[in-house]
Amino acid sequence: MPNSEHIVSSFDRDLEGIQAKIMRMGGLVEVAIAQSSTALETSDLDLAMAVRKADKAIDALEEEVNEEAARIIALRQPIASDLRTVLSIFRVSANLERIGDYAKNIAKRSQAVIELPAVPGDTASLKRMARQVELMLKDALDAYIQKDVDLAEDVRQRDLEVDQMYSALFREYLTHMMEDPRHITTCMHLHFMAKNIERMGDHVTSVAEQVIYLVTGEMPDEDRPKEDKTPYVQEA
């Protein structure tokens, strides 16, 4: 019969390998968030295209992570906290992949917005909002690796700031459209981009909640604070 210590060490090595890929995936997503907003702010079409192409690497990593996590469940049959760890891997990778999709959407719309009449100041506002989400993601990933519930809860609470930024931008876009119909198309694109960033914040918050689940065995009881009162908009 296999030595139990050997089985445990093999399981730990498997988890370390998968979590290394999760962190690599997270790093690529952080870059995608930063570059997609920079492409818009600087009217860099090449950078926008690079973000769209780089999304394939994020998708490929998600497939690898899910395949390896499924193999662990089949071969190791983990129980209790070990099973929670494997389940959290599926959920974290899914959230990261979705954030990457939103960054790709922003890059795609950037290519359209660059050709349209500019709306003063709003690309800088989107950049600040994206930076907030990028920092939240970094902290959420740190919390995941360190199993830091306090840091995860801090990330969870900071999503309110992202929602407030989105609500303010939504009102600004409406004002621009009413004041000058020539800005309608640009503002519609910018609104979708702002909504994409707001949804990124939600997925980052979901990563933080997985940390709390991983450590405590329970999802947070309280609904996280939400500021966004605008109609729900989703883009594939």
C-alpha atoms as a PDB file:
ATOM      1  CA  MET A   1       0.000   0.000   0.000  1.00  0.00           C
ATOM      2  CA  PRO A   2       1.391   3.487  -0.898  1.00  0.00           C
ATOM      3  CA  ASN A   3       2.960   5.441   1.907  1.00  0.00           C
ATOM      4  CA  SER A   4       0.442   8.104   3.087  1.00  0.00           C
ATOM      5  CA  GLU A   5       3.182  10.716   3.498  1.00  0.00           C
ATOM      6  CA  HIS A   6       4.229  10.110  -0.110  1.00  0.00           C
ATOM      7  CA  ILE A   7       0.624  10.592  -1.271  1.00  0.00           C
ATOM      8  CA  VAL A   8       0.295  13.827   0.674  1.00  0.00           C
ATOM      9  CA  SER A   9       3.541  15.232  -0.701  1.00  0.00           C
ATOM     10  CA  SER A  10       2.485  14.318  -4.253  1.00  0.00           C
ATOM     11  CA  PHE A  11      -0.852  16.045  -3.710  1.00  0.00           C
ATOM     12  CA  ASP A  12       0.903  19.152  -2.394  1.00  0.00           C
ATOM     13  CA  ARG A  13       3.227  19.213  -5.405  1.00  0.00           C
ATOM     14  CA  ASP A  14       0.246  18.929  -7.743  1.00  0.00           C
ATOM     15  CA  LEU A  15      -1.478  21.839  -6.014  1.00  0.00           C
ATOM     16  CA  GLU A  16       1.661  23.961  -6.085  1.00  0.00           C
ATOM     17  CA  GLY A  17       1.984  23.372  -9.823  1.00  0.00           C
ATOM     18  CA  ILE A  18      -1.619  24.407 -10.476  1.00  0.00           C
ATOM     19  CA  GLN A  19      -1.433  27.429  -8.204  1.00  0.00           C
ATOM     20  CA  ALA A  20       1.714  28.554 -10.019  1.00  0.00           C
ATOM     21  CA  LYS A  21      -0.314  28.524 -13.221  1.00  0.00           C
ATOM     22  CA  ILE A  22      -3.103  30.457 -11.499  1.00  0.00           C
ATOM     23  CA  MET A  23      -0.571  33.141 -10.561  1.00  0.00           C
ATOM     24  CA  ARG A  24       0.846  33.199 -14.083  1.00  0.00           C
ATOM     25  CA  MET A  25      -2.678  33.557 -15.406  1.00  0.00           C
ATOM     26  CA  GLY A  26      -3.346  36.340 -12.914  1.00  0.00           C
ATOM     27  CA  GLY A  27      -0.194  38.153 -14.031  1.00  0.00           C
ATOM     28  CA  LEU A  28      -1.320  38.020 -17.659  1.00  0.00           C
ATOM     29  CA  VAL A  29      -4.734  39.352 -16.681  1.00  0.00           C
ATOM     30  CA  GLU A  30      -3.186  42.248 -14.729  1.00  0.00           C
ATOM     31  CA  VAL A  31      -1.162  43.162 -17.823  1.00  0.00           C
ATOM     32  CA  ALA A  32      -4.278  42.922 -20.009  1.00  0.00           C
ATOM     33  CA  ILE A  33      -6.193  45.324 -17.747  1.00  0.00           C
ATOM     34  CA  ALA A  34      -3.350  47.858 -17.761  1.00  0.00           C
ATOM     35  CA  GLN A  35      -2.628  47.614 -21.474  1.00  0.00           C
ATOM     36  CA  SER A  36      -6.263  47.775 -22.606  1.00  0.00           C
ATOM     37  CA  SER A  37      -6.839  51.048 -20.755  1.00  0.00           C
ATOM     38  CA  THR A  38      -3.470  52.439 -21.868  1.00  0.00           C
ATOM     39  CA  ALA A  39      -4.293  51.622 -25.494  1.00  0.00           C
ATOM     40  CA  LEU A  40      -7.441  53.720 -25.187  1.00  0.00           C
ATOM     41  CA  GLU A  41      -5.767  56.608 -23.375  1.00  0.00           C
ATOM     42  CA  THR A  42      -2.832  56.806 -25.808  1.00  0.00           C
ATOM     43  CA  SER A  43      -4.753  55.853 -29.006  1.00  0.00           C
ATOM     44  CA  ASP A  44      -2.338  52.939 -29.502  1.00  0.00           C
ATOM     45  CA  LEU A  45      -3.911  50.590 -32.060  1.00  0.00           C
ATOM     46  CA  ASP A  46      -0.972  48.170 -31.961  1.00  0.00           C
ATOM     47  CA  LEU A  47      -1.252  47.797 -28.182  1.00  0.00           C
ATOM     48  CA  ALA A  48      -5.007  47.224 -28.448  1.00  0.00           C
ATOM     49  CA  MET A  49      -4.404  44.456 -30.982  1.00  0.00           C
ATOM     50  CA  ALA A  50      -1.707  42.930 -28.754  1.00  0.00           C
ATOM     51  CA  VAL A  51      -4.199  42.715 -25.864  1.00  0.00           C
ATOM     52  CA  ARG A  52      -6.702  40.916 -28.078  1.00  0.00           C
ATOM     53  CA  LYS A  53      -4.089  38.411 -29.238  1.00  0.00           C
ATOM     54  CA  ALA A  54      -2.729  37.838 -25.714  1.00  0.00           C
ATOM     55  CA  ASP A  55      -6.156  36.701 -24.502  1.00  0.00           C
ATOM     56  CA  LYS A  56      -5.504  33.333 -26.170  1.00  0.00           C
ATOM     57  CA  ALA A  57      -2.725  32.640 -23.665  1.00  0.00           C
ATOM     58  CA  ILE A  58      -5.110  33.347 -20.765  1.00  0.00           C
ATOM     59  CA  ASP A  59      -7.707  30.995 -22.230  1.00  0.00           C
ATOM     60  CA  ALA A  60      -5.095  28.282 -22.746  1.00  0.00           C
ATOM     61  CA  LEU A  61      -3.927  28.540 -19.142  1.00  0.00           C
ATOM     62  CA  GLU A  62      -7.497  28.229 -17.889  1.00  0.00           C
ATOM     63  CA  GLU A  63      -7.890  24.987 -19.850  1.00  0.00           C
ATOM     64  CA  GLU A  64      -4.641  23.629 -18.405  1.00  0.00           C
ATOM     65  CA  VAL A  65      -5.623  24.569 -14.858  1.00  0.00           C
ATOM     66  CA  ASN A  66      -9.067  22.982 -15.164  1.00  0.00           C
ATOM     67  CA  GLU A  67      -7.683  19.795 -16.689  1.00  0.00           C
ATOM     68  CA  GLU A  68      -5.097  19.410 -13.936  1.00  0.00           C
ATOM     69  CA  ALA A  69      -7.612  20.189 -11.190  1.00  0.00           C
ATOM     70  CA  ALA A  70     -10.006  17.593 -12.614  1.00  0.00           C
ATOM     71  CA  ARG A  71      -7.169  15.062 -12.707  1.00  0.00           C
ATOM     72  CA  ILE A  72      -6.404  15.727  -9.034  1.00  0.00           C
ATOM     73  CA  ILE A  73     -10.024  15.070  -8.084  1.00  0.00           C
ATOM     74  CA  ALA A  74     -10.041  11.823 -10.087  1.00  0.00           C
ATOM     75  CA  LEU A  75      -6.696  10.500  -8.830  1.00  0.00           C
ATOM     76  CA  ARG A  76      -6.351  11.918  -5.312  1.00  0.00           C
ATOM     77  CA  GLN A  77     -10.026  12.026  -4.260  1.00  0.00           C
ATOM     78  CA  PRO A  78      -9.399  14.964  -1.902  1.00  0.00           C
ATOM     79  CA  ILE A  79     -11.680  15.558   1.067  1.00  0.00           C
ATOM     80  CA  ALA A  80     -12.535  18.494   3.358  1.00  0.00           C
ATOM     81  CA  SER A  81     -10.145  21.431   3.085  1.00  0.00           C
ATOM     82  CA  ASP A  82      -8.185  19.802   0.251  1.00  0.00           C
ATOM     83  CA  LEU A  83     -11.375  19.536  -1.796  1.00  0.00           C
ATOM     84  CA  ARG A  84     -12.171  23.187  -1.068  1.00  0.00           C
ATOM     85  CA  THR A  85      -8.741  24.103  -2.415  1.00  0.00           C
ATOM     86  CA  VAL A  86      -9.357  22.257  -5.675  1.00  0.00           C
ATOM     87  CA  LEU A  87     -12.859  23.697  -6.070  1.00  0.00           C
ATOM     88  CA  SER A  88     -11.520  27.203  -5.458  1.00  0.00           C
ATOM     89  CA  ILE A  89      -9.016  26.642  -8.273  1.00  0.00           C
ATOM     90  CA  PHE A  90     -11.847  26.061 -10.763  1.00  0.00           C
ATOM     91  CA  ARG A  91     -13.662  29.188  -9.611  1.00  0.00           C
ATOM     92  CA  VAL A  92     -10.622  31.460  -9.496  1.00  0.00           C
ATOM     93  CA  SER A  93      -9.473  30.408 -12.967  1.00  0.00           C
ATOM     94  CA  ALA A  94     -12.978  30.992 -14.361  1.00  0.00           C
ATOM     95  CA  ASN A  95     -13.058  34.498 -12.878  1.00  0.00           C
ATOM     96  CA  LEU A  96      -9.612  35.314 -14.237  1.00  0.00           C
ATOM     97  CA  GLU A  97     -10.564  34.104 -17.702  1.00  0.00           C
ATOM     98  CA  ARG A  98     -13.670  36.298 -17.644  1.00  0.00           C
ATOM     99  CA  ILE A  99     -11.674  39.364 -16.581  1.00  0.00           C
ATOM    100  CA  GLY A 100      -9.350  38.682 -19.517  1.00  0.00           C
ATOM    101  CA  ASP A 101     -12.368  38.613 -21.827  1.00  0.00           C
ATOM    102  CA  TYR A 102     -13.493  42.014 -20.559  1.00  0.00           C
ATOM    103  CA  ALA A 103      -9.999  43.436 -21.143  1.00  0.00           C
ATOM    104  CA  LYS A 104     -10.124  42.064 -24.683  1.00  0.00           C
ATOM    105  CA  ASN A 105     -13.531  43.729 -25.191  1.00  0.00           C
ATOM    106  CA  ILE A 106     -12.105  47.065 -24.025  1.00  0.00           C
ATOM    107  CA  ALA A 107      -9.196  46.732 -26.446  1.00  0.00           C
ATOM    108  CA  LYS A 108     -11.619  45.907 -29.258  1.00  0.00           C
ATOM    109  CA  ARG A 109     -13.765  48.970 -28.552  1.00  0.00           C
ATOM    110  CA  SER A 110     -10.646  51.128 -28.179  1.00  0.00           C
ATOM    111  CA  GLN A 111      -9.912  50.506 -31.826  1.00  0.00           C
ATOM    112  CA  ALA A 112     -13.323  51.964 -32.692  1.00  0.00           C
ATOM    113  CA  VAL A 113     -13.182  54.877 -30.230  1.00  0.00           C
ATOM    114  CA  ILE A 114      -9.802  56.041 -31.522  1.00  0.00           C
ATOM    115  CA  GLU A 115     -11.439  56.849 -34.877  1.00  0.00           C
ATOM    116  CA  LEU A 116     -14.313  58.836 -33.320  1.00  0.00           C
ATOM    117  CA  PRO A 117     -14.599  62.419 -31.977  1.00  0.00           C
ATOM    118  CA  ALA A 118     -12.963  62.603 -28.550  1.00  0.00           C
ATOM    119  CA  VAL A 119     -14.926  63.170 -25.343  1.00  0.00           C
ATOM    120  CA  PRO A 120     -12.708  65.380 -23.121  1.00  0.00           C
ATOM    121  CA  GLY A 121     -11.205  63.723 -20.040  1.00  0.00           C
ATOM    122  CA  ASP A 122     -13.076  60.454 -20.082  1.00  0.00           C
ATOM    123  CA  THR A 123     -10.265  58.164 -21.248  1.00  0.00           C
ATOM    124  CA  ALA A 124      -8.277  59.293 -18.200  1.00  0.00           C
ATOM    125  CA  SER A 125     -11.268  58.485 -15.967  1.00  0.00           C
ATOM    126  CA  LEU A 126     -11.504  54.991 -17.442  1.00  0.00           C
ATOM    127  CA  LYS A 127      -7.763  54.548 -16.895  1.00  0.00           C
ATOM    128  CA  ARG A 128      -8.145  55.399 -13.185  1.00  0.00           C
ATOM    129  CA  MET A 129     -11.050  52.979 -12.847  1.00  0.00           C
ATOM    130  CA  ALA A 130      -9.085  50.199 -14.562  1.00  0.00           C
ATOM    131  CA  ARG A 131      -6.088  50.890 -12.313  1.00  0.00           C
ATOM    132  CA  GLN A 132      -8.286  50.464  -9.243  1.00  0.00           C
ATOM    133  CA  VAL A 133      -9.424  47.050 -10.489  1.00  0.00           C
ATOM    134  CA  GLU A 134      -5.854  46.070 -11.378  1.00  0.00           C
ATOM    135  CA  LEU A 135      -4.692  46.828  -7.808  1.00  0.00           C
ATOM    136  CA  MET A 136      -7.665  44.928  -6.376  1.00  0.00           C
ATOM    137  CA  LEU A 137      -6.736  41.907  -8.489  1.00  0.00           C
ATOM    138  CA  LYS A 138      -3.134  42.003  -7.301  1.00  0.00           C
ATOM    139  CA  ASP A 139      -4.306  42.028  -3.678  1.00  0.00           C
ATOM    140  CA  ALA A 140      -6.900  39.308  -4.301  1.00  0.00           C
ATOM    141  CA  LEU A 141      -4.233  37.024  -5.771  1.00  0.00           C
ATOM    142  CA  ASP A 142      -1.880  37.787  -2.873  1.00  0.00           C
ATOM    143  CA  ALA A 143      -4.708  36.973  -0.462  1.00  0.00           C
ATOM    144  CA  TYR A 144      -5.344  33.707  -2.296  1.00  0.00           C
ATOM    145  CA  ILE A 145      -1.754  32.515  -2.065  1.00  0.00           C
ATOM    146  CA  GLN A 146      -1.312  33.714   1.525  1.00  0.00           C
ATOM    147  CA  LYS A 147      -4.827  32.597   2.603  1.00  0.00           C
ATOM    148  CA  ASP A 148      -5.291  36.093   4.030  1.00  0.00           C
ATOM    149  CA  VAL A 149      -8.976  36.561   4.885  1.00  0.00           C
ATOM    150  CA  ASP A 150      -8.512  40.160   6.054  1.00  0.00           C
ATOM    151  CA  LEU A 151      -6.908  41.209   2.763  1.00  0.00           C
ATOM    152  CA  ALA A 152      -9.633  39.359   0.851  1.00  0.00           C
ATOM    153  CA  GLU A 153     -12.320  41.225   2.785  1.00  0.00           C
ATOM    154  CA  ASP A 154     -10.548  44.513   2.092  1.00  0.00           C
ATOM    155  CA  VAL A 155     -10.671  43.771  -1.645  1.00  0.00           C
ATOM    156  CA  ARG A 156     -14.322  42.884  -1.330  1.00  0.00           C
ATOM    157  CA  GLN A 157     -15.128  46.227   0.267  1.00  0.00           C
ATOM    158  CA  ARG A 158     -13.129  48.207  -2.304  1.00  0.00           C
ATOM    159  CA  ASP A 159     -15.439  47.066  -5.084  1.00  0.00           C
ATOM    160  CA  LEU A 160     -17.803  49.811  -3.912  1.00  0.00           C
ATOM    161  CA  GLU A 161     -15.276  52.403  -5.120  1.00  0.00           C
ATOM    162  CA  VAL A 162     -15.311  50.850  -8.587  1.00  0.00           C
ATOM    163  CA  ASP A 163     -19.110  50.949  -8.630  1.00  0.00           C
ATOM    164  CA  GLN A 164     -19.069  54.605  -7.618  1.00  0.00           C
ATOM    165  CA  MET A 165     -16.619  55.422 -10.413  1.00  0.00           C
ATOM    166  CA  TYR A 166     -18.842  53.627 -12.904  1.00  0.00           C
ATOM    167  CA  SER A 167     -21.985  55.449 -11.761  1.00  0.00           C
ATOM    168  CA  ALA A 168     -20.212  58.809 -12.069  1.00  0.00           C
ATOM    169  CA  LEU A 169     -19.006  57.977 -15.575  1.00  0.00           C
ATOM    170  CA  PHE A 170     -22.464  56.798 -16.611  1.00  0.00           C
ATOM    171  CA  ARG A 171     -23.908  60.191 -15.622  1.00  0.00           C
ATOM    172  CA  GLU A 172     -21.105  62.017 -17.441  1.00  0.00           C
ATOM    173  CA  TYR A 173     -21.740  60.077 -20.637  1.00  0.00           C
ATOM    174  CA  LEU A 174     -25.446  60.889 -20.507  1.00  0.00           C
ATOM    175  CA  THR A 175     -24.601  64.577 -20.086  1.00  0.00           C
ATOM    176  CA  HIS A 176     -22.204  64.541 -23.043  1.00  0.00           C
ATOM    177  CA  MET A 177     -24.777  62.819 -25.259  1.00  0.00           C
ATOM    178  CA  MET A 178     -27.508  65.305 -24.357  1.00  0.00           C
ATOM    179  CA  GLU A 179     -25.248  68.323 -24.858  1.00  0.00           C
ATOM    180  CA  ASP A 180     -23.775  67.236 -28.184  1.00  0.00           C
ATOM    181  CA  PRO A 181     -25.330  64.466 -30.340  1.00  0.00           C
ATOM    182  CA  ARG A 182     -21.975  64.060 -32.118  1.00  0.00           C
ATOM    183  CA  HIS A 183     -20.693  62.395 -28.937  1.00  0.00           C
ATOM    184  CA  ILE A 184     -23.427  59.731 -28.803  1.00  0.00           C
ATOM    185  CA  THR A 185     -21.500  56.968 -30.589  1.00  0.00           C
ATOM    186  CA  THR A 186     -18.288  57.645 -28.689  1.00  0.00           C
ATOM    187  CA  CYS A 187     -20.113  57.735 -25.348  1.00  0.00           C
ATOM    188  CA  MET A 188     -21.935  54.496 -26.089  1.00  0.00           C
ATOM    189  CA  HIS A 189     -18.593  52.770 -26.663  1.00  0.00           C
ATOM    190  CA  LEU A 190     -17.119  54.369 -23.547  1.00  0.00           C
ATOM    191  CA  HIS A 191     -20.123  53.296 -21.494  1.00  0.00           C
ATOM    192  CA  PHE A 192     -19.688  49.668 -22.547  1.00  0.00           C
ATOM    193  CA  MET A 193     -16.017  49.897 -21.644  1.00  0.00           C
ATOM    194  CA  ALA A 194     -16.812  51.369 -18.229  1.00  0.00           C
ATOM    195  CA  LYS A 195     -19.336  48.586 -17.660  1.00  0.00           C
ATOM    196  CA  ASN A 196     -16.712  46.020 -18.632  1.00  0.00           C
ATOM    197  CA  ILE A 197     -14.362  47.452 -16.002  1.00  0.00           C
ATOM    198  CA  GLU A 198     -17.157  47.433 -13.409  1.00  0.00           C
ATOM    199  CA  ARG A 199     -17.782  43.758 -14.196  1.00  0.00           C
ATOM    200  CA  MET A 200     -14.048  43.080 -13.840  1.00  0.00           C
ATOM    201  CA  GLY A 201     -14.355  44.445 -10.311  1.00  0.00           C
ATOM    202  CA  ASP A 202     -17.170  42.002  -9.614  1.00  0.00           C
ATOM    203  CA  HIS A 203     -15.061  39.069 -10.792  1.00  0.00           C
ATOM    204  CA  VAL A 204     -12.080  40.235  -8.731  1.00  0.00           C
ATOM    205  CA  THR A 205     -14.417  40.363  -5.740  1.00  0.00           C
ATOM    206  CA  SER A 206     -15.473  36.798  -6.516  1.00  0.00           C
ATOM    207  CA  VAL A 207     -11.804  35.774  -6.349  1.00  0.00           C
ATOM    208  CA  ALA A 208     -11.552  37.444  -2.932  1.00  0.00           C
ATOM    209  CA  GLU A 209     -14.660  35.578  -1.784  1.00  0.00           C
ATOM    210  CA  GLN A 210     -13.035  32.301  -2.820  1.00  0.00           C
ATOM    211  CA  VAL A 211     -10.230  33.088  -0.382  1.00  0.00           C
ATOM    212  CA  ILE A 212     -12.766  33.429   2.423  1.00  0.00           C
ATOM    213  CA  TYR A 213     -14.419  30.174   1.319  1.00  0.00           C
ATOM    214  CA  LEU A 214     -11.066  28.412   1.119  1.00  0.00           C
ATOM    215  CA  VAL A 215     -10.025  29.397   4.649  1.00  0.00           C
ATOM    216  CA  THR A 216     -13.353  29.259   6.492  1.00  0.00           C
ATOM    217  CA  GLY A 217     -15.340  26.732   4.477  1.00  0.00           C
ATOM    218  CA  GLU A 218     -18.158  29.254   4.035  1.00  0.00           C
ATOM    219  CA  MET A 219     -18.950  32.004   1.584  1.00  0.00           C
ATOM    220  CA  PRO A 220     -19.386  35.494   3.097  1.00  0.00           C
ATOM    221  CA  ASP A 221     -22.851  35.935   4.638  1.00  0.00           C
ATOM    222  CA  GLU A 222     -23.299  39.610   3.892  1.00  0.00           C
ATOM    223  CA  ASP A 223     -24.013  40.897   0.427  1.00  0.00           C
ATOM    224  CA  ARG A 224     -21.062  42.973  -0.657  1.00  0.00           C
ATOM    225  CA  PRO A 225     -21.773  46.715  -0.938  1.00  0.00           C
ATOM    226  CA  LYS A 226     -23.009  47.717  -4.400  1.00  0.00           C
ATOM    227  CA  GLU A 227     -23.380  51.228  -5.719  1.00  0.00           C
ATOM    228  CA  ASP A 228     -24.289  50.592  -9.354  1.00  0.00           C
ATOM    229  CA  LYS A 229     -27.976  51.363  -9.893  1.00  0.00           C
ATOM    230  CA  THR A 230     -27.839  51.602 -13.690  1.00  0.00           C
ATOM    231  CA  PRO A 231     -29.418  48.956 -15.943  1.00  0.00           C
ATOM    232  CA  TYR A 232     -27.386  45.783 -16.230  1.00  0.00           C
ATOM    233  CA  VAL A 233     -25.323  45.590 -19.405  1.00  0.00           C
ATOM    234  CA  GLN A 234     -23.397  42.493 -20.387  1.00  0.00           C
ATOM    235  CA  GLU A 235     -21.083  41.982 -23.323  1.00  0.00           C
ATOM    236  CA  ALA A 236     -19.766  38.601 -24.337  1.00  0.00           C
END
